[in-house]
N, C-alpha and C. Protein backbone atom coordinates (compact mmCIF):
# COMPACT_ATOMS: atom_id res chain seq x y z
N UNK A 1 18.33 107.39 170.34
CA UNK A 1 19.00 108.65 170.08
C UNK A 1 18.83 109.09 168.63
N UNK A 2 19.10 108.21 167.70
CA UNK A 2 19.10 108.59 166.30
C UNK A 2 17.68 108.59 165.76
N UNK A 3 17.23 109.75 165.25
CA UNK A 3 15.90 109.83 164.68
C UNK A 3 15.90 110.55 163.36
N UNK A 4 17.00 111.17 163.04
CA UNK A 4 17.12 111.94 161.81
C UNK A 4 18.29 111.39 160.98
N UNK A 5 18.44 111.92 159.80
CA UNK A 5 19.53 111.49 158.92
C UNK A 5 20.74 112.40 159.08
N UNK A 6 20.52 113.73 158.97
CA UNK A 6 21.64 114.67 158.96
C UNK A 6 21.46 115.79 159.99
N UNK A 7 22.53 116.06 160.71
CA UNK A 7 22.59 117.19 161.64
C UNK A 7 23.78 118.06 161.26
N UNK A 8 23.77 119.29 161.73
CA UNK A 8 24.94 120.17 161.60
C UNK A 8 25.23 120.77 162.96
N UNK A 9 26.48 120.73 163.35
CA UNK A 9 26.95 121.36 164.59
C UNK A 9 27.89 122.49 164.20
N UNK A 10 27.55 123.69 164.64
CA UNK A 10 28.37 124.87 164.36
C UNK A 10 29.03 125.32 165.65
N UNK A 11 30.36 125.34 165.67
CA UNK A 11 31.10 125.74 166.87
C UNK A 11 31.22 127.26 166.90
N UNK A 12 30.60 127.85 167.90
CA UNK A 12 30.55 129.32 167.99
C UNK A 12 30.84 129.81 169.40
N UNK A 13 31.75 129.15 170.08
CA UNK A 13 32.10 129.57 171.43
C UNK A 13 33.42 130.31 171.43
N UNK A 14 33.63 131.09 172.45
CA UNK A 14 34.92 131.76 172.61
C UNK A 14 34.93 133.17 172.08
N UNK A 15 35.75 133.99 172.70
CA UNK A 15 35.87 135.38 172.28
C UNK A 15 36.83 135.50 171.11
N UNK A 16 36.59 136.51 170.29
CA UNK A 16 37.49 136.80 169.17
C UNK A 16 38.59 137.71 169.68
N UNK A 17 39.67 137.13 170.18
CA UNK A 17 40.71 137.91 170.85
C UNK A 17 41.36 138.92 169.91
N UNK A 18 41.44 138.59 168.63
CA UNK A 18 42.06 139.51 167.67
C UNK A 18 41.08 140.59 167.19
N UNK A 19 39.85 140.50 167.68
CA UNK A 19 38.86 141.54 167.39
C UNK A 19 38.43 142.20 168.71
N UNK A 20 39.43 142.48 169.56
CA UNK A 20 39.18 143.12 170.86
C UNK A 20 38.18 142.33 171.70
N UNK A 21 38.31 140.99 171.65
CA UNK A 21 37.47 140.09 172.43
C UNK A 21 35.99 140.25 172.12
N UNK A 22 35.70 140.62 170.90
CA UNK A 22 34.31 140.70 170.47
C UNK A 22 33.76 139.31 170.20
N UNK A 23 32.55 139.26 169.68
CA UNK A 23 31.88 138.00 169.38
C UNK A 23 32.04 137.70 167.90
N UNK A 24 32.83 136.68 167.59
CA UNK A 24 33.13 136.42 166.18
C UNK A 24 31.87 136.09 165.37
N UNK A 25 30.94 135.40 165.98
CA UNK A 25 29.72 135.04 165.26
C UNK A 25 28.90 136.24 164.82
N UNK A 26 29.07 137.35 165.52
CA UNK A 26 28.32 138.57 165.21
C UNK A 26 29.06 139.49 164.26
N UNK A 27 30.33 139.21 163.99
CA UNK A 27 31.08 140.03 163.04
C UNK A 27 30.37 140.01 161.69
N UNK A 28 30.25 141.15 161.08
CA UNK A 28 29.49 141.22 159.83
C UNK A 28 30.40 141.21 158.61
N UNK A 29 30.03 140.38 157.67
CA UNK A 29 30.66 140.35 156.35
C UNK A 29 29.60 140.78 155.36
N UNK A 30 29.78 141.96 154.78
CA UNK A 30 28.80 142.52 153.85
C UNK A 30 27.40 142.57 154.45
N UNK A 31 27.34 143.06 155.69
CA UNK A 31 26.05 143.30 156.32
C UNK A 31 25.37 142.09 156.93
N UNK A 32 26.06 140.95 156.95
CA UNK A 32 25.46 139.73 157.50
C UNK A 32 26.42 139.11 158.51
N UNK A 33 25.93 138.75 159.70
CA UNK A 33 26.81 138.11 160.69
C UNK A 33 27.44 136.83 160.14
N UNK A 34 28.68 136.56 160.55
CA UNK A 34 29.35 135.33 160.11
C UNK A 34 28.50 134.10 160.42
N UNK A 35 27.85 134.12 161.58
CA UNK A 35 27.00 132.99 161.96
C UNK A 35 25.98 132.69 160.88
N UNK A 36 25.33 133.73 160.36
CA UNK A 36 24.28 133.50 159.37
C UNK A 36 24.82 133.07 158.02
N UNK A 37 26.05 133.46 157.70
CA UNK A 37 26.66 132.95 156.47
C UNK A 37 26.73 131.43 156.51
N UNK A 38 27.15 130.91 157.66
CA UNK A 38 27.28 129.45 157.80
C UNK A 38 25.91 128.78 157.90
N UNK A 39 25.04 129.36 158.72
CA UNK A 39 23.70 128.79 158.91
C UNK A 39 22.95 128.69 157.59
N UNK A 40 23.01 129.73 156.79
CA UNK A 40 22.26 129.73 155.53
C UNK A 40 22.83 128.75 154.51
N UNK A 41 24.11 128.42 154.65
CA UNK A 41 24.69 127.41 153.77
C UNK A 41 24.20 126.02 154.13
N UNK A 42 24.12 125.71 155.42
CA UNK A 42 23.74 124.35 155.82
C UNK A 42 22.22 124.15 155.82
N UNK A 43 21.47 125.26 155.87
CA UNK A 43 20.01 125.15 155.86
C UNK A 43 19.56 124.45 154.58
N UNK A 44 18.74 123.45 154.71
CA UNK A 44 18.29 122.69 153.54
C UNK A 44 19.10 121.44 153.30
N UNK A 45 20.35 121.42 153.82
CA UNK A 45 21.18 120.22 153.71
C UNK A 45 20.95 119.26 154.86
N UNK A 46 20.53 119.82 156.00
CA UNK A 46 20.40 119.03 157.22
C UNK A 46 19.01 119.20 157.81
N UNK A 47 18.68 118.30 158.72
CA UNK A 47 17.37 118.35 159.35
C UNK A 47 17.38 119.08 160.68
N UNK A 48 18.55 119.31 161.22
CA UNK A 48 18.64 120.11 162.44
C UNK A 48 19.98 120.84 162.45
N UNK A 49 19.95 122.03 163.03
CA UNK A 49 21.15 122.85 163.20
C UNK A 49 21.36 123.09 164.68
N UNK A 50 22.54 122.74 165.16
CA UNK A 50 22.88 122.92 166.58
C UNK A 50 24.05 123.89 166.65
N UNK A 51 23.89 124.94 167.43
CA UNK A 51 24.94 125.93 167.60
C UNK A 51 25.51 125.80 169.00
N UNK A 52 26.82 125.58 169.06
CA UNK A 52 27.49 125.41 170.36
C UNK A 52 28.12 126.74 170.77
N UNK A 53 27.74 127.23 171.93
CA UNK A 53 28.30 128.46 172.45
C UNK A 53 28.84 128.20 173.85
N UNK A 54 29.50 129.21 174.43
CA UNK A 54 30.10 128.99 175.75
C UNK A 54 29.34 129.65 176.89
N UNK A 55 28.33 130.46 176.59
CA UNK A 55 27.53 131.08 177.65
C UNK A 55 26.07 131.15 177.21
N UNK A 56 25.18 131.17 178.19
CA UNK A 56 23.77 131.31 177.89
C UNK A 56 23.48 132.68 177.30
N UNK A 57 24.22 133.68 177.76
CA UNK A 57 24.04 135.03 177.23
C UNK A 57 24.30 135.06 175.73
N UNK A 58 25.37 134.40 175.31
CA UNK A 58 25.70 134.36 173.89
C UNK A 58 24.63 133.59 173.12
N UNK A 59 24.16 132.50 173.69
CA UNK A 59 23.11 131.72 173.03
C UNK A 59 21.86 132.58 172.85
N UNK A 60 21.50 133.34 173.86
CA UNK A 60 20.32 134.21 173.78
C UNK A 60 20.50 135.27 172.70
N UNK A 61 21.72 135.81 172.59
CA UNK A 61 22.01 136.81 171.57
C UNK A 61 21.89 136.21 170.18
N UNK A 62 22.47 135.04 169.99
CA UNK A 62 22.40 134.38 168.69
C UNK A 62 20.96 134.03 168.31
N UNK A 63 20.18 133.61 169.31
CA UNK A 63 18.80 133.22 169.03
C UNK A 63 17.99 134.37 168.43
N UNK A 64 18.38 135.57 168.75
CA UNK A 64 17.66 136.75 168.24
C UNK A 64 18.02 137.08 166.79
N UNK A 65 19.19 136.62 166.35
CA UNK A 65 19.63 137.02 165.00
C UNK A 65 19.78 135.85 164.03
N UNK A 66 19.75 134.63 164.52
CA UNK A 66 19.99 133.49 163.63
C UNK A 66 18.89 133.40 162.58
N UNK A 67 19.28 133.11 161.33
CA UNK A 67 18.36 133.21 160.20
C UNK A 67 17.68 131.90 159.82
N UNK A 68 17.76 130.91 160.68
CA UNK A 68 17.06 129.64 160.46
C UNK A 68 16.79 129.01 161.82
N UNK A 69 15.90 128.05 161.84
CA UNK A 69 15.60 127.36 163.08
C UNK A 69 16.85 126.63 163.57
N UNK A 70 17.20 126.85 164.82
CA UNK A 70 18.39 126.20 165.39
C UNK A 70 18.19 125.99 166.88
N UNK A 71 18.92 125.03 167.41
CA UNK A 71 18.94 124.84 168.86
C UNK A 71 20.34 125.17 169.36
N UNK A 72 20.44 125.42 170.65
CA UNK A 72 21.69 125.87 171.23
C UNK A 72 22.09 124.97 172.39
N UNK A 73 23.38 124.65 172.45
CA UNK A 73 23.93 123.91 173.59
C UNK A 73 25.17 124.64 174.08
N UNK A 74 25.49 124.43 175.35
CA UNK A 74 26.62 125.14 175.95
C UNK A 74 27.83 124.23 176.11
N UNK A 75 28.97 124.80 175.77
CA UNK A 75 30.26 124.16 176.02
C UNK A 75 30.98 125.03 177.03
N UNK A 76 30.92 124.66 178.29
CA UNK A 76 31.49 125.49 179.35
C UNK A 76 33.00 125.33 179.47
N UNK A 77 33.56 124.39 178.69
CA UNK A 77 35.00 124.17 178.75
C UNK A 77 35.65 124.43 177.40
N UNK A 78 35.13 125.45 176.67
CA UNK A 78 35.63 125.70 175.32
C UNK A 78 37.12 126.05 175.28
N UNK A 79 37.66 126.49 176.43
CA UNK A 79 39.08 126.83 176.45
C UNK A 79 39.95 125.61 176.18
N UNK A 80 39.40 124.42 176.35
CA UNK A 80 40.17 123.20 176.11
C UNK A 80 40.23 122.83 174.63
N UNK A 81 39.52 123.57 173.79
CA UNK A 81 39.61 123.33 172.36
C UNK A 81 38.31 122.84 171.74
N UNK A 82 38.30 122.70 170.41
CA UNK A 82 37.08 122.35 169.69
C UNK A 82 36.54 120.95 169.98
N UNK A 83 37.37 120.06 170.49
CA UNK A 83 36.87 118.72 170.79
C UNK A 83 35.78 118.77 171.85
N UNK A 84 35.91 119.68 172.81
CA UNK A 84 34.89 119.81 173.84
C UNK A 84 33.60 120.37 173.24
N UNK A 85 33.74 121.29 172.31
CA UNK A 85 32.55 121.80 171.63
C UNK A 85 31.88 120.72 170.80
N UNK A 86 32.70 119.90 170.13
CA UNK A 86 32.15 118.80 169.36
C UNK A 86 31.40 117.83 170.27
N UNK A 87 31.95 117.57 171.44
CA UNK A 87 31.28 116.68 172.40
C UNK A 87 29.88 117.21 172.73
N UNK A 88 29.80 118.48 173.08
CA UNK A 88 28.51 119.07 173.43
C UNK A 88 27.53 118.99 172.27
N UNK A 89 28.03 119.28 171.07
CA UNK A 89 27.16 119.24 169.91
C UNK A 89 26.71 117.84 169.53
N UNK A 90 27.62 116.89 169.57
CA UNK A 90 27.29 115.52 169.17
C UNK A 90 26.38 114.86 170.21
N UNK A 91 26.49 115.25 171.46
CA UNK A 91 25.58 114.72 172.47
C UNK A 91 24.14 115.16 172.20
N UNK A 92 23.99 116.32 171.60
CA UNK A 92 22.65 116.84 171.31
C UNK A 92 22.13 116.40 169.94
N UNK A 93 23.03 116.04 169.04
CA UNK A 93 22.64 115.74 167.66
C UNK A 93 21.79 114.48 167.57
N UNK A 94 20.75 114.55 166.75
CA UNK A 94 19.86 113.41 166.54
C UNK A 94 20.09 112.73 165.20
N UNK A 95 20.89 113.34 164.34
CA UNK A 95 21.12 112.77 163.03
C UNK A 95 22.09 111.59 163.05
N UNK A 96 21.94 110.70 162.10
CA UNK A 96 22.88 109.58 162.01
C UNK A 96 24.27 110.09 161.66
N UNK A 97 24.31 111.15 160.82
CA UNK A 97 25.58 111.77 160.45
C UNK A 97 25.53 113.25 160.81
N UNK A 98 26.65 113.75 161.30
CA UNK A 98 26.71 115.14 161.75
C UNK A 98 27.84 115.88 161.06
N UNK A 99 27.48 117.00 160.48
CA UNK A 99 28.45 117.92 159.88
C UNK A 99 28.98 118.84 160.97
N UNK A 100 30.30 118.97 161.04
CA UNK A 100 30.93 119.85 162.03
C UNK A 100 31.57 121.02 161.30
N UNK A 101 31.23 122.24 161.73
CA UNK A 101 31.75 123.44 161.08
C UNK A 101 32.07 124.51 162.13
N UNK A 102 33.05 125.38 161.83
CA UNK A 102 33.31 126.52 162.69
C UNK A 102 32.43 127.70 162.25
N UNK A 103 32.21 128.64 163.16
CA UNK A 103 31.35 129.78 162.84
C UNK A 103 32.02 130.77 161.91
N UNK A 104 33.34 130.67 161.75
CA UNK A 104 34.08 131.70 161.02
C UNK A 104 34.50 131.27 159.62
N UNK A 105 33.71 130.41 158.98
CA UNK A 105 33.98 129.98 157.60
C UNK A 105 32.83 130.41 156.70
N UNK A 106 32.76 131.69 156.36
CA UNK A 106 31.60 132.21 155.64
C UNK A 106 31.47 131.75 154.20
N UNK A 107 32.56 131.22 153.62
CA UNK A 107 32.53 130.84 152.21
C UNK A 107 32.36 129.34 152.00
N UNK A 108 32.01 128.62 153.04
CA UNK A 108 31.88 127.17 152.90
C UNK A 108 30.83 126.85 151.84
N UNK A 109 31.17 125.91 150.98
CA UNK A 109 30.35 125.59 149.81
C UNK A 109 29.30 124.53 150.12
N UNK A 110 28.07 124.84 149.80
CA UNK A 110 26.98 123.88 149.99
C UNK A 110 27.23 122.62 149.17
N UNK A 111 27.77 122.78 147.97
CA UNK A 111 28.04 121.62 147.11
C UNK A 111 29.12 120.72 147.71
N UNK A 112 30.13 121.33 148.33
CA UNK A 112 31.17 120.53 148.99
C UNK A 112 30.57 119.76 150.16
N UNK A 113 29.74 120.42 150.94
CA UNK A 113 29.12 119.76 152.10
C UNK A 113 28.21 118.62 151.65
N UNK A 114 27.50 118.83 150.57
CA UNK A 114 26.64 117.77 150.04
C UNK A 114 27.48 116.57 149.63
N UNK A 115 28.63 116.82 149.03
CA UNK A 115 29.53 115.73 148.64
C UNK A 115 29.99 114.95 149.87
N UNK A 116 30.36 115.64 150.93
CA UNK A 116 30.79 114.96 152.15
C UNK A 116 29.70 114.06 152.70
N UNK A 117 28.47 114.56 152.71
CA UNK A 117 27.35 113.74 153.18
C UNK A 117 27.13 112.55 152.26
N UNK A 118 27.23 112.76 150.96
CA UNK A 118 27.01 111.66 150.01
C UNK A 118 28.01 110.53 150.19
N UNK A 119 29.22 110.87 150.64
CA UNK A 119 30.27 109.87 150.82
C UNK A 119 30.26 109.23 152.21
N UNK A 120 29.40 109.73 153.10
CA UNK A 120 29.45 109.32 154.50
C UNK A 120 28.87 107.95 154.82
N UNK A 121 27.81 107.47 154.14
CA UNK A 121 27.22 106.19 154.55
C UNK A 121 28.25 105.06 154.65
N UNK A 122 28.22 104.38 155.77
CA UNK A 122 29.14 103.27 156.01
C UNK A 122 30.51 103.68 156.52
N UNK A 123 30.74 104.98 156.67
CA UNK A 123 32.04 105.46 157.13
C UNK A 123 31.92 106.11 158.52
N UNK A 124 33.03 106.08 159.24
CA UNK A 124 33.06 106.76 160.53
C UNK A 124 33.11 108.27 160.35
N UNK A 125 33.74 108.70 159.26
CA UNK A 125 33.84 110.12 158.98
C UNK A 125 34.30 110.32 157.54
N UNK A 126 33.99 111.49 157.00
CA UNK A 126 34.53 111.92 155.71
C UNK A 126 35.21 113.25 155.96
N UNK A 127 36.53 113.28 155.77
CA UNK A 127 37.33 114.44 156.16
C UNK A 127 38.17 114.91 154.98
N UNK A 128 38.08 116.18 154.62
CA UNK A 128 38.95 116.70 153.55
C UNK A 128 40.42 116.65 153.95
N UNK A 129 41.28 116.34 152.97
CA UNK A 129 42.72 116.28 153.24
C UNK A 129 43.47 116.96 152.10
N UNK A 130 44.35 117.89 152.48
CA UNK A 130 45.15 118.64 151.51
C UNK A 130 46.28 117.76 150.97
N UNK A 131 46.90 118.23 149.91
CA UNK A 131 47.98 117.47 149.29
C UNK A 131 49.20 117.35 150.20
N UNK A 132 49.32 118.25 151.18
CA UNK A 132 50.43 118.13 152.14
C UNK A 132 50.07 117.26 153.33
N UNK A 133 48.92 116.58 153.23
CA UNK A 133 48.42 115.62 154.23
C UNK A 133 47.72 116.29 155.41
N UNK A 134 47.69 117.62 155.45
CA UNK A 134 46.93 118.30 156.50
C UNK A 134 45.44 118.06 156.28
N UNK A 135 44.71 117.88 157.37
CA UNK A 135 43.29 117.58 157.26
C UNK A 135 42.44 118.74 157.77
N UNK A 136 41.16 118.68 157.47
CA UNK A 136 40.21 119.72 157.87
C UNK A 136 39.13 119.09 158.77
N UNK A 137 39.47 118.80 160.03
CA UNK A 137 38.52 118.11 160.90
C UNK A 137 37.30 118.93 161.29
N UNK A 138 37.39 120.26 161.12
CA UNK A 138 36.25 121.12 161.46
C UNK A 138 35.42 121.47 160.22
N UNK A 139 35.69 120.79 159.13
CA UNK A 139 34.87 120.91 157.91
C UNK A 139 34.59 119.50 157.42
N UNK A 140 34.00 118.70 158.27
CA UNK A 140 33.88 117.27 157.99
C UNK A 140 32.54 116.72 158.46
N UNK A 141 32.22 115.53 157.97
CA UNK A 141 30.99 114.83 158.36
C UNK A 141 31.37 113.58 159.13
N UNK A 142 30.68 113.35 160.24
CA UNK A 142 30.99 112.23 161.13
C UNK A 142 29.75 111.36 161.39
N UNK A 143 29.99 110.07 161.55
CA UNK A 143 28.94 109.20 162.08
C UNK A 143 28.74 109.59 163.54
N UNK A 144 27.55 110.03 163.87
CA UNK A 144 27.32 110.68 165.16
C UNK A 144 27.62 109.78 166.35
N UNK A 145 26.98 108.63 166.40
CA UNK A 145 27.12 107.77 167.57
C UNK A 145 28.53 107.21 167.71
N UNK A 146 29.12 106.79 166.59
CA UNK A 146 30.48 106.24 166.64
C UNK A 146 31.47 107.30 167.09
N UNK A 147 31.34 108.51 166.55
CA UNK A 147 32.28 109.58 166.89
C UNK A 147 32.09 110.04 168.32
N UNK A 148 30.86 110.11 168.77
CA UNK A 148 30.61 110.51 170.15
C UNK A 148 31.29 109.55 171.13
N UNK A 149 31.19 108.27 170.85
CA UNK A 149 31.85 107.27 171.70
C UNK A 149 33.36 107.47 171.71
N UNK A 150 33.94 107.73 170.54
CA UNK A 150 35.39 107.89 170.45
C UNK A 150 35.84 109.21 171.10
N UNK A 151 35.03 110.26 170.99
CA UNK A 151 35.37 111.52 171.67
C UNK A 151 35.48 111.28 173.17
N UNK A 152 34.50 110.59 173.72
CA UNK A 152 34.51 110.33 175.17
C UNK A 152 35.73 109.51 175.57
N UNK A 153 36.06 108.52 174.77
CA UNK A 153 37.24 107.69 175.05
C UNK A 153 38.51 108.52 174.98
N UNK A 154 38.59 109.40 173.99
CA UNK A 154 39.77 110.26 173.83
C UNK A 154 39.94 111.17 175.03
N UNK A 155 38.85 111.71 175.52
CA UNK A 155 38.92 112.62 176.68
C UNK A 155 39.33 111.90 177.95
N UNK A 156 38.95 110.62 178.07
CA UNK A 156 39.39 109.86 179.24
C UNK A 156 40.90 109.67 179.25
N UNK A 157 41.51 109.80 178.07
CA UNK A 157 42.97 109.69 177.95
C UNK A 157 43.66 111.04 178.11
N UNK A 158 42.87 112.04 178.54
CA UNK A 158 43.38 113.41 178.72
C UNK A 158 43.96 114.00 177.43
N UNK A 159 43.34 113.63 176.33
CA UNK A 159 43.69 114.21 175.03
C UNK A 159 42.52 115.08 174.58
N UNK A 160 42.82 116.31 174.20
CA UNK A 160 41.76 117.28 173.94
C UNK A 160 41.80 117.86 172.53
N UNK A 161 42.48 117.18 171.62
CA UNK A 161 42.57 117.72 170.26
C UNK A 161 41.85 116.81 169.28
N UNK A 162 41.35 117.40 168.22
CA UNK A 162 40.59 116.66 167.22
C UNK A 162 41.41 115.57 166.55
N UNK A 163 42.69 115.84 166.31
CA UNK A 163 43.52 114.86 165.62
C UNK A 163 43.67 113.57 166.42
N UNK A 164 43.81 113.70 167.74
CA UNK A 164 43.93 112.50 168.58
C UNK A 164 42.65 111.67 168.51
N UNK A 165 41.51 112.36 168.47
CA UNK A 165 40.24 111.65 168.37
C UNK A 165 40.13 110.93 167.03
N UNK A 166 40.47 111.63 165.95
CA UNK A 166 40.34 111.06 164.61
C UNK A 166 41.24 109.85 164.44
N UNK A 167 42.41 109.87 165.06
CA UNK A 167 43.32 108.73 164.97
C UNK A 167 42.69 107.45 165.54
N UNK A 168 41.70 107.62 166.42
CA UNK A 168 41.06 106.45 167.04
C UNK A 168 39.78 106.02 166.33
N UNK A 169 39.34 106.81 165.36
CA UNK A 169 38.18 106.42 164.57
C UNK A 169 38.56 105.32 163.60
N UNK A 170 37.68 104.37 163.41
CA UNK A 170 37.93 103.28 162.47
C UNK A 170 36.97 103.42 161.29
N UNK A 171 37.53 103.55 160.10
CA UNK A 171 36.70 103.67 158.91
C UNK A 171 36.54 105.10 158.44
N UNK A 172 37.61 105.89 158.54
CA UNK A 172 37.58 107.27 158.07
C UNK A 172 37.86 107.30 156.57
N UNK A 173 37.07 108.06 155.86
CA UNK A 173 37.33 108.28 154.43
C UNK A 173 37.89 109.68 154.26
N UNK A 174 39.09 109.80 153.73
CA UNK A 174 39.69 111.10 153.46
C UNK A 174 39.44 111.45 152.00
N UNK A 175 38.99 112.66 151.78
CA UNK A 175 38.74 113.11 150.41
C UNK A 175 39.75 114.20 150.06
N UNK A 176 40.46 114.00 148.99
CA UNK A 176 41.51 114.93 148.58
C UNK A 176 40.93 116.29 148.18
N UNK A 177 41.66 117.32 148.54
CA UNK A 177 41.24 118.66 148.11
C UNK A 177 41.36 118.80 146.59
N UNK A 178 42.10 117.90 145.94
CA UNK A 178 42.14 117.92 144.47
C UNK A 178 40.76 117.61 143.90
N UNK A 179 40.02 116.77 144.60
CA UNK A 179 38.64 116.48 144.20
C UNK A 179 37.74 117.66 144.54
N UNK A 180 37.92 118.20 145.73
CA UNK A 180 37.08 119.33 146.17
C UNK A 180 37.28 120.54 145.27
N UNK A 181 38.49 120.70 144.74
CA UNK A 181 38.77 121.82 143.84
C UNK A 181 37.90 121.80 142.58
N UNK A 182 37.38 120.64 142.23
CA UNK A 182 36.48 120.57 141.07
C UNK A 182 35.18 121.29 141.34
N UNK A 183 34.84 121.42 142.63
CA UNK A 183 33.61 122.10 143.03
C UNK A 183 33.92 123.51 143.55
N UNK A 184 35.01 123.60 144.28
CA UNK A 184 35.41 124.85 144.95
C UNK A 184 36.85 125.15 144.54
N UNK A 185 37.03 125.73 143.35
CA UNK A 185 38.38 125.84 142.74
C UNK A 185 39.42 126.52 143.63
N UNK A 186 39.02 127.50 144.41
CA UNK A 186 39.98 128.22 145.25
C UNK A 186 39.97 127.73 146.70
N UNK A 187 39.23 126.65 146.96
CA UNK A 187 39.12 126.07 148.31
C UNK A 187 38.73 127.12 149.34
N UNK A 188 37.79 127.98 148.95
CA UNK A 188 37.34 129.02 149.87
C UNK A 188 36.56 128.45 151.05
N UNK A 189 36.08 127.23 150.90
CA UNK A 189 35.35 126.60 152.01
C UNK A 189 36.16 126.56 153.29
N UNK A 190 37.48 126.52 153.16
CA UNK A 190 38.34 126.34 154.33
C UNK A 190 38.93 127.65 154.85
N UNK A 191 38.48 128.76 154.29
CA UNK A 191 38.96 130.07 154.77
C UNK A 191 38.31 130.40 156.10
N UNK A 192 39.13 130.74 157.08
CA UNK A 192 38.64 131.16 158.39
C UNK A 192 38.90 132.65 158.58
N UNK A 193 37.99 133.32 159.25
CA UNK A 193 38.15 134.74 159.57
C UNK A 193 38.73 134.83 160.98
N UNK A 194 40.05 134.93 161.06
CA UNK A 194 40.72 134.95 162.36
C UNK A 194 41.22 136.33 162.78
N UNK A 195 41.39 137.21 161.82
CA UNK A 195 41.95 138.53 162.12
C UNK A 195 41.16 139.60 161.36
N UNK A 196 41.30 140.87 161.77
CA UNK A 196 40.67 141.96 161.01
C UNK A 196 41.11 141.97 159.56
N UNK A 197 42.37 141.59 159.30
CA UNK A 197 42.85 141.54 157.92
C UNK A 197 42.10 140.47 157.12
N UNK A 198 41.86 139.32 157.76
CA UNK A 198 41.08 138.27 157.10
C UNK A 198 39.70 138.78 156.71
N UNK A 199 39.09 139.51 157.61
CA UNK A 199 37.75 140.04 157.35
C UNK A 199 37.79 141.04 156.20
N UNK A 200 38.80 141.88 156.20
CA UNK A 200 38.94 142.87 155.13
C UNK A 200 39.11 142.18 153.78
N UNK A 201 39.96 141.15 153.74
CA UNK A 201 40.17 140.41 152.49
C UNK A 201 38.88 139.73 152.02
N UNK A 202 38.12 139.20 152.98
CA UNK A 202 36.86 138.55 152.63
C UNK A 202 35.88 139.55 152.05
N UNK A 203 35.84 140.74 152.63
CA UNK A 203 34.95 141.78 152.11
C UNK A 203 35.35 142.19 150.70
N UNK A 204 36.66 142.30 150.48
CA UNK A 204 37.15 142.67 149.15
C UNK A 204 36.83 141.58 148.13
N UNK A 205 36.93 140.34 148.56
CA UNK A 205 36.63 139.21 147.67
C UNK A 205 35.17 139.24 147.23
N UNK A 206 34.27 139.45 148.18
CA UNK A 206 32.85 139.44 147.83
C UNK A 206 32.48 140.66 147.01
N UNK A 207 33.13 141.78 147.29
CA UNK A 207 32.85 142.99 146.51
C UNK A 207 33.29 142.82 145.06
N UNK A 208 34.47 142.21 144.87
CA UNK A 208 34.97 142.01 143.51
C UNK A 208 34.08 141.04 142.74
N UNK A 209 33.50 140.06 143.45
CA UNK A 209 32.57 139.13 142.82
C UNK A 209 31.34 139.86 142.30
N UNK A 210 30.81 140.76 143.15
CA UNK A 210 29.62 141.51 142.77
C UNK A 210 29.93 142.41 141.58
N UNK A 211 31.13 143.00 141.57
CA UNK A 211 31.52 143.89 140.48
C UNK A 211 31.59 143.12 139.16
N UNK A 212 32.16 141.90 139.21
CA UNK A 212 32.26 141.07 138.00
C UNK A 212 30.88 140.70 137.46
N UNK A 213 29.95 140.39 138.40
CA UNK A 213 28.61 140.01 137.99
C UNK A 213 27.90 141.18 137.35
N UNK A 214 28.15 142.38 137.92
CA UNK A 214 27.51 143.58 137.39
C UNK A 214 28.03 143.87 135.99
């Protein structure tokens, strides 16, 4: 199974209910689909990019616009949560370590992701953890084969959430967001675009950045 060093799995299934059930991956931030914001960040960090969607139609649509070489897998049970998407992605991943990301995090930092990969050897996972102990399981790097085995075991217990799976992993390294702040001072890597207001704020943020540079 393992033939590569690093893979990336991007979870891009499900309708954007707060955007009139549109396709979140196709939502544009400053003229670029959210999907491509994430894809272009991981390109160069990994040897393969896997995009998990919930329909073949969506996969075909993404294939026409994705800005880097990627493969597509289907998660037909995405309604059960991201763990099912992770299962589909990790089953396809060939890398020893797999980065897991959501499609709606356009500001994720390449430097932060590189740090997670650098800390991964010998660990089951490297997961960011906030000072209030909340973790970021969808912005993390996992040992592919070990995690895939634990995902399957977790599902046999009728547990469908990422936290239940992570509790069963042995050898997780948690990295404090206090460390990540040295690279990403405002922790923008963890910003998700869940509502039209989120998208508007993201657009304003990028516009103000351009204005400052000018």
